[in-house]
Amino acid sequence: MSHVVVDQEDVPYVKTSDTKAKLEDAIFQGRIKQAARSCKELNASVHADGLYYLNSSRGVLYQTFCDMTTAGGGWTLVASVHENNMYGKCTLGDRWSNQQGSDPNRPDGEGTWANTVTFGTAESSTSDDYKNPGYYDIAAQDVSVWHVPNNIDLEQWSATSILRYHTENHFLNLYGGNLFYLFKKFPVRFGLGACITDNGPAIPIVYDTGNVDYNKNLYGPKISTPGFIAFRVFNTERAAMALCSGVKPTGCHTEHFCIGGGGHFPEAVPRQCGDFTRWSASKEITEAAVLLFYR
């Protein structure tokens, strides 16, 4: 069951289009000034996990999943990174890296981490990539990340997650309030920097499913430190990766455990190129979608 909040009431719906039309009509008639901008806003009166409609600052209505349970709730799903083919290597579907092959002439690749292109649906986040307007529109303080096995139904996401965690130090306040602005400051671009010295921030995490030891076992070799989420890192060949989930690098072989990326991965082209570049991570990690939430 999904909901939309109209006139402070929960209205269950069956037909998505009918419910969206009802919300649009309510806004047009002035019965409500605006729908909620985030799940955090809804959390004061709504406490059930599920799909909800939100409204961006530009009036774009979109449906997404709200986690109303973890650490007090109010978490808005804004994106998912799903690898449709580990052997594809920057081919169709690699929206979070490059869909046109490993190409030094496209150092930013698709540029998805720092643009306003949206795609997919919340409901299919574990079977395809997803990005909604909240990714660049919501003003947030923290992130939550779920690693959910591919093709799991929405109702089972939380229970089947192999790893879940969140930040709680409000680090996004330092970087514009969301990942869109963070990656504007730390572009995911081939050749822009060197490993370690030019990496972006690494933020401590609080585990909701799993722990440090379990996290370490998911990633294989001792080339990272568990208990963090790290952003915009480089490898030895200066290829950029967007996000290291649950770990921070201790060396330069970031292709073994980080995801997303710029448009070019020079070593043995195109071996490392793709949304998931992880060569040493466990099968559990490589066959799970990475869901990104804000609060």
Protein backbone atom coordinates (compact mmCIF):
# COMPACT_ATOMS: atom_id res chain seq x y z
CA MET A 1 0.00 0.00 0.00
CA SER A 2 1.28 3.46 -0.91
CA HIS A 3 0.09 6.87 0.23
CA VAL A 4 -0.11 10.49 -0.72
CA VAL A 5 -0.77 13.20 1.84
CA VAL A 6 -3.56 15.62 0.87
CA ASP A 7 -5.14 18.06 3.33
CA GLN A 8 -3.21 16.39 6.15
CA GLU A 9 -4.87 13.02 5.50
CA ASP A 10 -3.41 9.70 4.39
CA VAL A 11 -5.14 8.70 1.18
CA PRO A 12 -4.41 5.11 0.10
CA TYR A 13 -4.42 4.55 -3.63
CA VAL A 14 -4.64 1.75 -6.14
CA LYS A 15 -4.14 3.61 -9.39
CA THR A 16 -0.99 5.71 -9.24
CA SER A 17 -2.13 8.05 -12.01
CA ASP A 18 -5.42 8.78 -10.25
CA THR A 19 -3.68 9.63 -7.00
CA LYS A 20 -1.12 11.86 -8.66
CA ALA A 21 -3.91 13.66 -10.50
CA LYS A 22 -5.74 14.15 -7.20
CA LEU A 23 -2.67 15.69 -5.61
CA GLU A 24 -2.01 17.94 -8.61
CA ASP A 25 -5.65 19.07 -8.56
CA ALA A 26 -5.49 19.80 -4.82
CA ILE A 27 -2.40 21.96 -5.29
CA PHE A 28 -3.96 23.73 -8.29
CA GLN A 29 -7.13 24.54 -6.34
CA GLY A 30 -5.12 25.91 -3.45
CA ARG A 31 -6.38 23.37 -0.92
CA ILE A 32 -2.75 22.74 -0.08
CA LYS A 33 0.09 25.13 -0.78
CA GLN A 34 2.56 22.35 -1.48
CA ALA A 35 3.09 18.67 -0.91
CA ALA A 36 5.89 17.57 1.40
CA ARG A 37 9.42 18.14 0.10
CA SER A 38 10.89 15.12 1.89
CA CYS A 39 10.06 12.08 3.97
CA LYS A 40 11.44 13.97 6.95
CA GLU A 41 8.60 16.49 6.59
CA LEU A 42 6.06 13.65 6.45
CA ASN A 43 7.58 11.90 9.44
CA ALA A 44 5.77 14.12 11.95
CA SER A 45 2.41 12.61 10.97
CA VAL A 46 3.24 9.48 8.93
CA HIS A 47 5.11 6.55 10.41
CA ALA A 48 4.78 3.66 7.95
CA ASP A 49 7.51 2.69 5.49
CA GLY A 50 6.33 2.78 1.89
CA LEU A 51 5.86 4.76 -1.31
CA TYR A 52 4.84 8.42 -1.04
CA TYR A 53 4.51 11.37 -3.37
CA LEU A 54 6.80 14.34 -2.79
CA ASN A 55 6.95 17.73 -4.46
CA SER A 56 10.19 19.41 -5.52
CA SER A 57 10.90 23.12 -5.08
CA ARG A 58 10.03 23.55 -8.78
CA GLY A 59 6.70 21.80 -8.42
CA VAL A 60 7.73 18.43 -9.84
CA LEU A 61 5.70 15.63 -8.27
CA TYR A 62 7.46 12.31 -7.91
CA GLN A 63 6.99 9.06 -6.06
CA THR A 64 9.65 7.56 -3.84
CA PHE A 65 10.19 5.25 -0.89
CA CYS A 66 10.24 6.61 2.67
CA ASP A 67 12.06 4.76 5.44
CA MET A 68 10.09 5.83 8.50
CA THR A 69 11.76 3.32 10.83
CA THR A 70 15.56 3.56 10.86
CA ALA A 71 17.01 5.79 13.59
CA GLY A 72 13.77 7.72 14.02
CA GLY A 73 12.70 7.57 10.37
CA GLY A 74 12.25 10.35 7.85
CA TRP A 75 14.71 8.99 5.27
CA THR A 76 13.99 9.77 1.60
CA LEU A 77 15.18 7.38 -1.11
CA VAL A 78 16.80 9.58 -3.76
CA ALA A 79 18.78 7.12 -5.88
CA SER A 80 19.91 3.55 -6.45
CA VAL A 81 22.99 2.21 -8.21
CA HIS A 82 22.29 -1.16 -9.82
CA GLU A 83 24.79 -3.05 -11.95
CA ASN A 84 22.88 -4.71 -14.79
CA ASN A 85 25.95 -6.47 -16.21
CA MET A 86 29.28 -6.83 -14.41
CA TYR A 87 30.86 -7.80 -17.73
CA GLY A 88 29.37 -4.91 -19.72
CA LYS A 89 32.17 -2.43 -18.93
CA CYS A 90 30.71 1.04 -19.52
CA THR A 91 27.93 -0.07 -21.82
CA LEU A 92 24.20 0.63 -21.97
CA GLY A 93 22.79 0.84 -18.44
CA ASP A 94 25.96 2.15 -16.78
CA ARG A 95 24.27 5.46 -15.98
CA TRP A 96 26.44 6.17 -12.95
CA SER A 97 29.69 5.98 -14.94
CA ASN A 98 29.76 5.97 -18.76
CA GLN A 99 27.42 4.30 -21.25
CA GLN A 100 29.76 5.00 -24.18
CA GLY A 101 32.82 2.99 -23.25
CA SER A 102 35.97 4.02 -21.42
CA ASP A 103 36.83 7.28 -23.16
CA PRO A 104 39.46 9.86 -22.11
CA ASN A 105 37.58 12.41 -24.24
CA ARG A 106 34.59 12.05 -21.90
CA PRO A 107 36.38 12.35 -18.52
CA ASP A 108 33.10 12.95 -16.64
CA GLY A 109 31.27 10.10 -18.35
CA GLU A 110 27.51 10.56 -17.94
CA GLY A 111 28.05 13.14 -15.19
CA THR A 112 25.12 11.65 -13.29
CA TRP A 113 26.52 12.34 -9.82
CA ALA A 114 26.39 16.11 -10.42
CA ASN A 115 23.56 16.71 -12.89
CA THR A 116 19.76 16.92 -12.76
CA VAL A 117 18.98 14.00 -15.09
CA THR A 118 16.47 11.62 -13.49
CA PHE A 119 15.51 8.05 -14.40
CA GLY A 120 13.83 4.88 -13.20
CA THR A 121 11.18 4.29 -10.55
CA ALA A 122 11.47 3.86 -6.81
CA GLU A 123 9.69 0.52 -6.88
CA SER A 124 12.25 -0.97 -9.29
CA SER A 125 15.32 0.32 -7.43
CA THR A 126 16.76 -3.16 -6.91
CA SER A 127 16.39 -4.16 -10.56
CA ASP A 128 17.44 -0.95 -12.32
CA ASP A 129 19.09 2.41 -11.66
CA TYR A 130 16.99 5.13 -10.06
CA LYS A 131 17.40 8.86 -9.49
CA ASN A 132 14.65 11.32 -8.56
CA PRO A 133 14.50 15.14 -8.18
CA GLY A 134 15.12 14.81 -4.45
CA TYR A 135 18.73 13.88 -5.23
CA TYR A 136 19.50 17.48 -6.15
CA ASP A 137 16.53 19.29 -4.57
CA ILE A 138 16.28 18.14 -0.95
CA ALA A 139 18.30 20.00 1.67
CA ALA A 140 19.60 17.20 3.88
CA GLN A 141 22.12 16.67 6.65
CA ASP A 142 22.88 12.95 6.54
CA VAL A 143 22.76 9.90 4.29
CA SER A 144 21.65 6.33 4.77
CA VAL A 145 22.74 3.46 2.53
CA TRP A 146 21.14 0.06 2.00
CA HIS A 147 22.74 -2.81 0.08
CA VAL A 148 19.75 -4.86 -1.08
CA PRO A 149 20.07 -8.05 -3.18
CA ASN A 150 19.03 -7.55 -6.78
CA ASN A 151 15.38 -7.96 -7.77
CA ILE A 152 14.01 -7.99 -4.22
CA ASP A 153 10.46 -6.65 -3.81
CA LEU A 154 10.12 -3.33 -2.02
CA GLU A 155 8.35 -4.83 0.99
CA GLN A 156 11.41 -7.00 1.70
CA TRP A 157 14.16 -4.42 1.20
CA SER A 158 14.90 -3.78 4.86
CA ALA A 159 14.66 -7.40 5.99
CA THR A 160 16.90 -8.73 3.22
CA SER A 161 19.56 -5.99 3.19
CA ILE A 162 23.05 -7.39 3.60
CA LEU A 163 24.37 -4.06 4.88
CA ARG A 164 22.60 -0.92 6.13
CA TYR A 165 24.06 2.13 7.80
CA HIS A 166 23.62 5.88 8.22
CA THR A 167 25.65 8.94 9.11
CA GLU A 168 24.69 11.16 12.02
CA ASN A 169 27.22 14.00 12.10
CA HIS A 170 25.28 16.24 9.66
CA PHE A 171 28.23 16.29 7.25
CA LEU A 172 26.09 17.41 4.30
CA ASN A 173 25.79 20.83 5.93
CA LEU A 174 29.41 21.37 4.87
CA TYR A 175 28.80 20.42 1.24
CA GLY A 176 25.65 22.18 0.12
CA GLY A 177 23.04 19.91 1.69
CA ASN A 178 23.06 16.93 -0.67
CA LEU A 179 25.25 14.73 -2.87
CA PHE A 180 24.54 16.80 -5.98
CA TYR A 181 26.38 19.76 -4.44
CA LEU A 182 29.02 17.57 -2.81
CA PHE A 183 29.97 16.19 -6.23
CA LYS A 184 29.99 19.70 -7.69
CA LYS A 185 32.75 20.40 -5.17
CA PHE A 186 34.43 17.03 -5.77
CA PRO A 187 33.82 16.21 -9.47
CA VAL A 188 33.90 12.55 -10.48
CA ARG A 189 36.27 13.14 -13.38
CA PHE A 190 39.15 11.12 -14.78
CA GLY A 191 42.57 12.74 -14.33
CA LEU A 192 41.42 15.51 -12.01
CA GLY A 193 43.48 14.34 -9.04
CA ALA A 194 45.65 11.65 -7.48
CA CYS A 195 44.81 8.88 -5.05
CA ILE A 196 44.72 9.65 -1.34
CA THR A 197 45.84 13.29 -1.59
CA ASP A 198 42.88 14.44 -3.70
CA ASN A 199 40.18 12.13 -2.39
CA GLY A 200 36.96 13.64 -1.09
CA PRO A 201 35.60 13.33 2.46
CA ALA A 202 35.34 10.05 4.38
CA ILE A 203 32.51 10.10 6.92
CA PRO A 204 32.05 7.73 9.90
CA ILE A 205 28.90 5.59 9.83
CA VAL A 206 26.53 3.93 12.29
CA TYR A 207 25.51 0.38 11.38
CA ASP A 208 21.83 -0.60 11.19
CA THR A 209 22.46 -4.04 9.66
CA GLY A 210 25.95 -5.53 9.96
CA ASN A 211 29.05 -4.39 11.84
CA VAL A 212 32.71 -3.56 11.22
CA ASP A 213 33.85 -7.20 11.01
CA TYR A 214 31.02 -8.21 8.69
CA ASN A 215 31.63 -5.11 6.58
CA LYS A 216 35.32 -6.01 6.27
CA ASN A 217 34.53 -9.55 5.11
CA LEU A 218 32.28 -8.25 2.32
CA TYR A 219 35.17 -6.42 0.64
CA GLY A 220 38.06 -8.88 0.64
CA PRO A 221 41.67 -7.60 0.67
CA LYS A 222 42.89 -5.26 3.39
CA ILE A 223 42.98 -2.19 1.16
CA SER A 224 40.32 -0.23 2.99
CA THR A 225 39.12 0.60 6.49
CA PRO A 226 35.50 -0.29 7.34
CA GLY A 227 33.17 2.01 9.24
CA PHE A 228 33.08 4.91 6.76
CA ILE A 229 31.49 6.15 3.58
CA ALA A 230 33.99 7.86 1.27
CA PHE A 231 33.34 10.15 -1.68
CA ARG A 232 35.19 10.87 -4.95
CA VAL A 233 38.32 8.80 -4.78
CA PHE A 234 41.06 8.15 -7.32
CA ASN A 235 43.03 5.01 -8.15
CA THR A 236 46.64 4.61 -9.28
CA GLU A 237 45.78 5.54 -12.88
CA ARG A 238 43.82 8.63 -11.75
CA ALA A 239 40.46 7.11 -12.61
CA ALA A 240 37.74 8.63 -10.42
CA MET A 241 35.14 6.66 -8.48
CA ALA A 242 32.19 8.31 -6.79
CA LEU A 243 31.44 6.36 -3.65
CA CYS A 244 33.07 3.77 -1.40
CA SER A 245 30.21 2.34 0.62
CA GLY A 246 31.04 1.26 4.16
CA VAL A 247 34.79 1.77 3.74
CA LYS A 248 37.47 4.38 3.16
CA PRO A 249 40.60 3.74 1.07
CA THR A 250 43.98 3.09 2.66
CA GLY A 251 45.73 2.81 -0.70
CA CYS A 252 45.24 3.46 -4.40
CA HIS A 253 43.43 0.32 -5.60
CA THR A 254 40.00 1.86 -5.12
CA GLU A 255 38.58 0.00 -8.13
CA HIS A 256 38.37 -3.07 -5.89
CA PHE A 257 35.66 -1.71 -3.61
CA CYS A 258 34.15 1.57 -4.89
CA ILE A 259 31.26 2.28 -7.28
CA GLY A 260 30.25 4.80 -9.91
CA GLY A 261 32.83 6.76 -11.80
CA GLY A 262 34.03 9.16 -14.42
CA GLY A 263 34.32 8.35 -18.09
CA HIS A 264 37.71 6.67 -18.34
CA PHE A 265 39.53 3.83 -16.54
CA PRO A 266 42.94 3.48 -18.22
CA GLU A 267 44.21 0.16 -16.84
CA ALA A 268 43.59 -2.68 -19.32
CA VAL A 269 40.76 -0.73 -20.97
CA PRO A 270 37.87 -1.35 -20.44
CA ARG A 271 38.38 -3.89 -17.65
CA GLN A 272 37.63 -1.55 -14.73
CA CYS A 273 34.99 0.62 -16.38
CA GLY A 274 31.38 0.47 -15.18
CA ASP A 275 29.01 1.35 -12.36
CA PHE A 276 30.50 -1.49 -10.29
CA THR A 277 34.27 -1.74 -10.74
CA ARG A 278 34.79 -3.99 -7.71
CA TRP A 279 37.09 -6.91 -8.48
CA SER A 280 37.71 -8.15 -4.96
CA ALA A 281 34.34 -7.58 -3.33
CA SER A 282 32.15 -10.53 -2.40
CA LYS A 283 29.38 -11.86 -4.61
CA GLU A 284 26.88 -10.58 -2.02
CA ILE A 285 28.08 -7.03 -2.61
CA THR A 286 28.37 -7.17 -6.40
CA GLU A 287 24.88 -8.68 -6.74
CA ALA A 288 23.15 -6.08 -4.58
CA ALA A 289 21.81 -2.64 -5.48
CA VAL A 290 23.03 0.36 -3.48
CA LEU A 291 20.12 2.51 -2.27
CA LEU A 292 20.87 6.09 -1.22
CA PHE A 293 18.69 8.01 1.25
CA TYR A 294 18.71 11.57 2.65
CA ARG A 295 17.50 13.03 5.93
